[in-house]
Amino acid sequence: MQGWVELVGPERAVHLFGIRLVGLNAVTGRKVLLSIVAIAALMLIGRGLRALSRRLLQGDRFVAARFWWRQVIRVATGVFTVLILLSIWLDDPARLTTAVGLITAGVAVALQRVIIAFAAYFIILRGRIFTVGDRIVMGGVRGDVISVRFLRTTIMEMGEPPPVQPDKPAVWVEARQYTGRLVTVTNDRIFDEPVYNYTRDFPFIWEEMRLPVPYTADRARAERILLEAVGRHTVQLQELGAEALAELQRRYFVDAAELEPRVYWQLTDNWLQMAVRFVTRERGVRALKDRITRDVLAAFDAAGIQVASTTFEVTGLPPLRIDTGDRPIGAATNIGGGSS
């Protein structure tokens, strides 16, 4: 190794086979070592703070608090890491200005989408668009937000209603229940598409159930059965919904909406379609509809009301012709073989 690699001059520059390697000297080595130590120390500090936050904020009621503390720790760790590395490597202000200018120009061109996603992260946190635990539709994905990071948001996917199930990617669950897939969406999608939030300021939604009833049935009684069944399962939700709606009206300019269940009639070719509209929470809709459906069907059976189905009426038949070969229909046939 002697003569191959040498440290020459007061800066202890590295020479390889007599050729000076630009940028490699004792000072650079110390900076590299110091950078590694600083990054490792900050990572250990960040991990320790996250572990401390998990220990102090245990339980389901501190889910949001744990999330916010993790975000603060990540941001603070990243900022301190950048500042320390700049202090180690760019101790000359003139060099710092030149380096920052070059880095800014390169990043602006090469990492445009990354910068937009990173900026969207702070808008999500400060703009009250959504947070962990909210049920949203973002980038064509509907589900619950389980993680928000610098560049990506992770969503626990839910099923879709039948009209949109064939869309890509296909979803095989028909109701608002988890499919088991975790979907990652980049944060910059908030600038390109609307974000639907089911839970942010008004944690209730209006739902409808449609039921076909024959025209010959007791329509008034069928409507009462629907209203009574829905009312039994949503009476508490109506009271809570009224309070939430009053708060929503206080904060935003919205009109008062009907919270009481209501049935709407619609004429069709085969039956009278009754659509009952009611307020429910954003979660547990499928179970609620199941209970209402069971009550309605039991009441319909007791009242002798049937659920309509598609019917066909035959108004005429074309002439029928039967071909029996050589013997015409109605000719006498000698079955026994005798004569008369």
Protein backbone atom coordinates (compact mmCIF):
# COMPACT_ATOMS: atom_id res chain seq x y z
CA MET A 1 0.00 0.00 0.00
CA GLN A 2 2.96 2.32 0.58
CA GLY A 3 3.38 4.35 -2.54
CA TRP A 4 -0.05 3.45 -3.86
CA VAL A 5 -2.12 5.57 -1.44
CA GLU A 6 -0.51 8.64 0.15
CA LEU A 7 -1.68 11.58 2.25
CA VAL A 8 0.06 14.66 0.88
CA GLY A 9 0.20 18.28 2.03
CA PRO A 10 -1.19 20.12 5.05
CA GLU A 11 -4.76 19.16 4.07
CA ARG A 12 -3.72 15.50 3.93
CA ALA A 13 -5.11 15.10 0.41
CA VAL A 14 -5.46 11.51 -0.83
CA HIS A 15 -3.22 10.50 -3.73
CA LEU A 16 -3.79 7.21 -5.54
CA PHE A 17 -0.79 6.08 -7.64
CA GLY A 18 0.38 9.65 -7.59
CA ILE A 19 -2.98 11.04 -8.78
CA ARG A 20 -4.78 13.36 -6.43
CA LEU A 21 -8.39 12.39 -5.73
CA VAL A 22 -10.44 15.57 -5.68
CA GLY A 23 -12.46 16.06 -2.53
CA LEU A 24 -10.86 13.24 -0.56
CA ASN A 25 -8.75 14.40 2.37
CA ALA A 26 -8.62 14.17 6.13
CA VAL A 27 -11.14 16.99 6.55
CA THR A 28 -13.64 15.26 4.29
CA GLY A 29 -13.20 12.02 6.22
CA ARG A 30 -13.90 13.77 9.51
CA LYS A 31 -17.02 15.37 8.02
CA VAL A 32 -18.28 12.02 6.75
CA LEU A 33 -17.71 10.43 10.14
CA LEU A 34 -19.37 13.32 11.94
CA SER A 35 -22.36 13.18 9.56
CA ILE A 36 -22.84 9.48 10.21
CA VAL A 37 -22.70 10.01 13.98
CA ALA A 38 -25.14 12.95 13.81
CA ILE A 39 -27.66 11.03 11.67
CA ALA A 40 -27.47 7.97 13.92
CA ALA A 41 -27.92 10.11 17.04
CA LEU A 42 -30.95 11.90 15.60
CA MET A 43 -32.50 8.60 14.52
CA LEU A 44 -32.06 7.17 18.02
CA ILE A 45 -33.52 10.32 19.58
CA GLY A 46 -36.52 10.22 17.22
CA ARG A 47 -37.13 6.55 17.93
CA GLY A 48 -36.89 7.15 21.66
CA LEU A 49 -39.37 10.03 21.50
CA ARG A 50 -41.83 7.94 19.50
CA ALA A 51 -41.54 5.10 22.01
CA LEU A 52 -42.11 7.58 24.85
CA SER A 53 -45.22 8.98 23.13
CA ARG A 54 -46.63 5.46 22.69
CA ARG A 55 -46.01 4.75 26.36
CA LEU A 56 -47.57 7.98 27.62
CA LEU A 57 -50.49 8.03 25.15
CA GLN A 58 -51.91 4.54 25.40
CA GLY A 59 -55.49 3.58 24.65
CA ASP A 60 -57.99 4.21 21.89
CA ARG A 61 -58.83 7.74 23.04
CA PHE A 62 -55.26 8.91 22.32
CA VAL A 63 -55.07 7.61 18.74
CA ALA A 64 -55.19 11.11 17.24
CA ALA A 65 -52.73 12.47 19.82
CA ARG A 66 -50.22 9.70 19.06
CA PHE A 67 -50.53 10.41 15.36
CA TRP A 68 -49.86 14.15 15.79
CA TRP A 69 -46.86 13.54 18.07
CA ARG A 70 -45.36 11.16 15.51
CA GLN A 71 -45.76 13.79 12.82
CA VAL A 72 -44.10 16.46 15.00
CA ILE A 73 -41.21 14.14 15.82
CA ARG A 74 -40.69 13.21 12.16
CA VAL A 75 -40.74 16.82 10.99
CA ALA A 76 -38.42 17.98 13.79
CA THR A 77 -35.99 15.12 13.15
CA GLY A 78 -35.89 15.88 9.44
CA VAL A 79 -35.33 19.62 9.98
CA PHE A 80 -32.54 19.08 12.49
CA THR A 81 -30.88 16.52 10.23
CA VAL A 82 -30.82 18.96 7.32
CA LEU A 83 -29.51 21.82 9.48
CA ILE A 84 -26.73 19.74 11.03
CA LEU A 85 -25.59 18.36 7.68
CA LEU A 86 -25.53 21.85 6.19
CA SER A 87 -23.51 23.09 9.16
CA ILE A 88 -20.99 20.26 8.78
CA TRP A 89 -20.46 20.41 5.05
CA LEU A 90 -21.12 24.04 4.14
CA ASP A 91 -19.29 26.14 6.70
CA ASP A 92 -18.52 28.88 4.14
CA PRO A 93 -21.56 31.20 3.53
CA ALA A 94 -20.54 31.79 -0.10
CA ARG A 95 -20.38 28.08 -0.79
CA LEU A 96 -23.69 27.63 1.01
CA THR A 97 -25.45 30.11 -1.28
CA THR A 98 -24.08 28.49 -4.42
CA ALA A 99 -24.93 25.00 -3.23
CA VAL A 100 -28.45 25.96 -2.24
CA GLY A 101 -29.04 27.56 -5.64
CA LEU A 102 -27.84 24.52 -7.54
CA ILE A 103 -29.76 22.12 -5.35
CA THR A 104 -32.94 24.17 -5.64
CA ALA A 105 -32.74 24.28 -9.44
CA GLY A 106 -32.08 20.56 -9.73
CA VAL A 107 -34.77 19.57 -7.28
CA ALA A 108 -37.35 21.79 -8.94
CA VAL A 109 -36.88 19.97 -12.23
CA ALA A 110 -36.25 16.39 -11.16
CA LEU A 111 -38.50 16.10 -8.10
CA GLN A 112 -41.49 18.18 -9.06
CA ARG A 113 -44.10 15.61 -8.03
CA VAL A 114 -42.25 14.84 -4.84
CA ILE A 115 -42.19 18.53 -3.89
CA ILE A 116 -45.92 18.84 -4.62
CA ALA A 117 -46.67 15.76 -2.50
CA PHE A 118 -44.51 17.11 0.32
CA ALA A 119 -46.27 20.49 0.18
CA ALA A 120 -49.63 18.70 0.17
CA TYR A 121 -48.64 16.96 3.40
CA PHE A 122 -48.55 20.28 5.26
CA ILE A 123 -51.78 21.41 3.62
CA ILE A 124 -53.44 18.19 4.82
CA LEU A 125 -52.22 18.81 8.36
CA ARG A 126 -53.09 22.51 8.46
CA GLY A 127 -56.01 22.66 6.07
CA ARG A 128 -58.31 20.31 8.02
CA ILE A 129 -58.85 18.18 4.93
CA PHE A 130 -58.61 14.86 6.75
CA THR A 131 -56.69 13.14 9.51
CA VAL A 132 -56.10 9.62 10.79
CA GLY A 133 -59.39 7.82 11.41
CA ASP A 134 -61.43 9.82 8.88
CA ARG A 135 -63.43 8.00 6.24
CA ILE A 136 -62.64 9.55 2.87
CA VAL A 137 -62.60 9.04 -0.89
CA MET A 138 -59.24 10.10 -2.31
CA GLY A 139 -57.74 9.21 -5.66
CA GLY A 140 -60.69 6.93 -6.41
CA VAL A 141 -60.17 4.93 -3.20
CA ARG A 142 -62.76 4.86 -0.43
CA GLY A 143 -61.81 3.83 3.09
CA ASP A 144 -60.44 4.85 6.47
CA VAL A 145 -57.20 6.82 6.76
CA ILE A 146 -54.70 4.83 8.83
CA SER A 147 -51.50 6.75 8.10
CA VAL A 148 -50.43 10.15 6.73
CA ARG A 149 -46.74 10.54 5.86
CA PHE A 150 -44.63 13.14 4.09
CA LEU A 151 -45.43 11.87 0.61
CA ARG A 152 -48.14 9.22 0.94
CA THR A 153 -51.45 8.55 2.65
CA THR A 154 -52.40 4.95 3.46
CA ILE A 155 -56.09 3.98 3.32
CA MET A 156 -57.80 0.83 4.53
CA GLU A 157 -59.98 0.13 1.49
CA MET A 158 -63.74 -0.39 1.72
CA GLY A 159 -66.24 -1.88 -0.68
CA GLU A 160 -68.12 0.08 -3.32
CA PRO A 161 -71.79 0.15 -4.34
CA PRO A 162 -72.66 -2.12 -7.30
CA PRO A 163 -72.71 0.66 -9.96
CA VAL A 164 -68.99 1.38 -9.48
CA GLN A 165 -67.73 -2.10 -8.61
CA PRO A 166 -66.50 -2.92 -12.16
CA ASP A 167 -64.28 0.19 -12.19
CA LYS A 168 -60.53 -0.33 -11.92
CA PRO A 169 -59.34 -1.57 -9.55
CA ALA A 170 -62.28 -3.95 -9.17
CA VAL A 171 -63.84 -4.31 -5.70
CA TRP A 172 -65.75 -7.43 -4.71
CA VAL A 173 -67.37 -6.10 -1.48
CA GLU A 174 -70.68 -4.34 -2.08
CA ALA A 175 -71.08 -2.40 1.17
CA ARG A 176 -68.97 -0.07 3.28
CA GLN A 177 -66.92 -2.85 4.81
CA TYR A 178 -63.18 -3.46 4.63
CA THR A 179 -61.79 -5.44 1.72
CA GLY A 180 -58.50 -6.11 3.54
CA ARG A 181 -56.37 -4.16 1.07
CA LEU A 182 -54.15 -1.27 2.15
CA VAL A 183 -54.01 1.36 -0.60
CA THR A 184 -51.26 4.00 -0.78
CA VAL A 185 -52.19 7.31 -2.42
CA THR A 186 -49.71 10.13 -2.99
CA ASN A 187 -50.59 13.35 -1.19
CA ASP A 188 -50.46 15.45 -4.37
CA ARG A 189 -53.84 13.98 -5.41
CA ILE A 190 -55.57 16.61 -3.27
CA PHE A 191 -54.63 19.18 -5.93
CA ASP A 192 -55.97 17.11 -8.83
CA GLU A 193 -59.19 15.58 -7.51
CA PRO A 194 -61.83 16.34 -4.89
CA VAL A 195 -61.48 14.65 -1.49
CA TYR A 196 -64.75 13.35 -0.04
CA ASN A 197 -64.76 13.26 3.76
CA TYR A 198 -67.52 11.33 5.50
CA THR A 199 -66.58 12.19 9.08
CA ARG A 200 -64.75 15.50 9.36
CA ASP A 201 -67.43 17.99 10.43
CA PHE A 202 -70.71 16.06 10.09
CA PRO A 203 -70.30 12.37 11.00
CA PHE A 204 -73.68 11.39 9.55
CA ILE A 205 -74.90 10.59 6.04
CA TRP A 206 -78.29 10.30 4.39
CA GLU A 207 -79.11 6.79 3.20
CA GLU A 208 -81.95 5.34 1.13
CA MET A 209 -83.59 1.93 0.87
CA ARG A 210 -85.77 1.12 -2.15
CA LEU A 211 -88.56 -1.43 -2.04
CA PRO A 212 -90.93 -2.40 -4.92
CA VAL A 213 -94.59 -2.66 -3.86
CA PRO A 214 -97.44 -3.96 -6.09
CA TYR A 215 -99.99 -1.39 -7.18
CA THR A 216 -102.73 -3.58 -5.73
CA ALA A 217 -101.21 -3.59 -2.23
CA ASP A 218 -102.18 -1.34 0.66
CA ARG A 219 -99.73 1.43 -0.19
CA ALA A 220 -100.48 3.63 2.81
CA ARG A 221 -99.88 0.76 5.22
CA ALA A 222 -96.66 -0.19 3.42
CA GLU A 223 -95.42 3.37 3.87
CA ARG A 224 -96.26 3.32 7.57
CA ILE A 225 -94.39 0.03 7.99
CA LEU A 226 -91.29 1.53 6.38
CA LEU A 227 -91.38 4.66 8.52
CA GLU A 228 -91.97 2.71 11.73
CA ALA A 229 -89.14 0.25 11.03
CA VAL A 230 -86.66 3.01 10.18
CA GLY A 231 -87.78 5.15 13.11
CA ARG A 232 -87.16 2.36 15.63
CA HIS A 233 -83.54 2.02 14.56
CA THR A 234 -82.64 5.67 13.96
CA VAL A 235 -84.45 7.65 16.66
CA GLN A 236 -81.26 8.31 18.65
CA LEU A 237 -79.34 9.07 15.47
CA GLN A 238 -81.88 11.73 14.54
CA GLU A 239 -81.29 13.54 17.84
CA LEU A 240 -77.50 13.33 17.48
CA GLY A 241 -77.76 14.37 13.86
CA ALA A 242 -79.75 17.47 14.80
CA GLU A 243 -77.00 18.58 17.20
CA ALA A 244 -74.27 17.95 14.63
CA LEU A 245 -76.28 19.74 11.95
CA ALA A 246 -76.74 22.76 14.21
CA GLU A 247 -72.98 22.90 14.76
CA LEU A 248 -72.40 22.54 11.03
CA GLN A 249 -74.78 25.42 10.35
CA ARG A 250 -72.96 27.52 12.91
CA ARG A 251 -69.59 26.98 11.24
CA TYR A 252 -70.65 26.91 7.59
CA PHE A 253 -73.39 28.36 5.42
CA VAL A 254 -75.70 25.40 4.89
CA ASP A 255 -79.47 25.06 4.76
CA ALA A 256 -81.42 23.08 7.31
CA ALA A 257 -82.02 19.53 6.19
CA GLU A 258 -84.70 17.02 7.08
CA LEU A 259 -83.60 14.52 9.69
CA GLU A 260 -86.93 12.72 10.07
CA PRO A 261 -87.34 9.59 7.91
CA ARG A 262 -89.42 10.11 4.80
CA VAL A 263 -90.79 7.85 2.06
CA TYR A 264 -90.79 8.90 -1.60
CA TRP A 265 -92.98 7.23 -4.22
CA GLN A 266 -92.00 6.61 -7.84
CA LEU A 267 -94.10 5.13 -10.63
CA THR A 268 -92.61 2.34 -12.74
CA ASP A 269 -93.97 -0.04 -15.41
CA ASN A 270 -94.28 -2.96 -13.01
CA TRP A 271 -94.58 -1.65 -9.45
CA LEU A 272 -94.62 1.34 -7.14
CA GLN A 273 -91.09 1.97 -5.91
CA MET A 274 -90.95 3.27 -2.33
CA ALA A 275 -87.65 4.86 -1.28
CA VAL A 276 -87.27 5.55 2.43
CA ARG A 277 -84.65 8.19 3.27
CA PHE A 278 -83.06 8.43 6.72
CA VAL A 279 -79.99 9.64 8.60
CA THR A 280 -77.34 7.22 9.86
CA ARG A 281 -73.78 7.26 11.06
CA GLU A 282 -71.03 6.82 8.53
CA ARG A 283 -70.15 3.42 10.00
CA GLY A 284 -72.32 0.35 10.45
CA VAL A 285 -74.67 1.16 7.55
CA ARG A 286 -74.88 -2.41 6.29
CA ALA A 287 -75.82 -3.81 9.70
CA LEU A 288 -78.44 -1.07 10.13
CA LYS A 289 -80.00 -1.81 6.76
CA ASP A 290 -80.04 -5.51 7.60
CA ARG A 291 -82.03 -4.88 10.80
CA ILE A 292 -84.46 -2.57 9.03
CA THR A 293 -84.99 -5.05 6.19
CA ARG A 294 -85.79 -7.89 8.59
CA ASP A 295 -88.36 -5.77 10.43
CA VAL A 296 -89.97 -4.59 7.20
CA LEU A 297 -90.29 -8.08 5.74
CA ALA A 298 -91.79 -9.43 8.98
CA ALA A 299 -94.34 -6.59 9.06
CA PHE A 300 -95.15 -7.07 5.36
CA ASP A 301 -95.83 -10.78 5.95
CA ALA A 302 -98.12 -9.95 8.87
CA ALA A 303 -100.01 -7.38 6.78
CA GLY A 304 -100.26 -9.62 3.71
CA ILE A 305 -98.22 -7.25 1.55
CA GLN A 306 -95.96 -8.84 -1.03
CA VAL A 307 -92.75 -7.51 -2.48
CA ALA A 308 -93.29 -6.88 -6.18
CA SER A 309 -91.41 -8.69 -8.92
CA THR A 310 -91.24 -8.30 -12.68
CA THR A 311 -94.36 -9.63 -14.43
CA PHE A 312 -95.14 -10.40 -18.08
CA GLU A 313 -98.54 -10.32 -19.75
CA VAL A 314 -99.10 -12.45 -22.85
CA THR A 315 -101.66 -10.76 -25.12
CA GLY A 316 -101.69 -13.17 -28.05
CA LEU A 317 -100.21 -16.33 -29.59
CA PRO A 318 -99.29 -17.05 -33.22
CA PRO A 319 -101.03 -19.92 -35.07
CA LEU A 320 -99.62 -23.35 -34.27
CA ARG A 321 -98.99 -26.00 -36.94
CA ILE A 322 -98.02 -29.58 -36.08
CA ASP A 323 -96.35 -31.70 -38.77
CA THR A 324 -96.79 -35.49 -38.22
CA GLY A 325 -95.32 -36.64 -41.52
CA ASP A 326 -97.56 -38.54 -43.98
CA ARG A 327 -100.55 -39.07 -41.67
CA PRO A 328 -102.66 -35.98 -40.93
CA ILE A 329 -103.84 -35.22 -37.42
CA GLY A 330 -107.23 -36.73 -36.65
CA ALA A 331 -106.98 -39.70 -39.07
CA ALA A 332 -108.17 -43.10 -37.79
CA THR A 333 -105.50 -45.40 -36.53
CA ASN A 334 -105.79 -49.16 -36.21
CA ILE A 335 -104.16 -49.87 -32.89
CA GLY A 336 -105.23 -53.49 -32.32
CA GLY A 337 -104.53 -54.73 -35.84
CA GLY A 338 -108.11 -55.99 -36.40
CA SER A 339 -110.82 -54.86 -38.83
CA SER A 340 -114.18 -53.38 -38.15
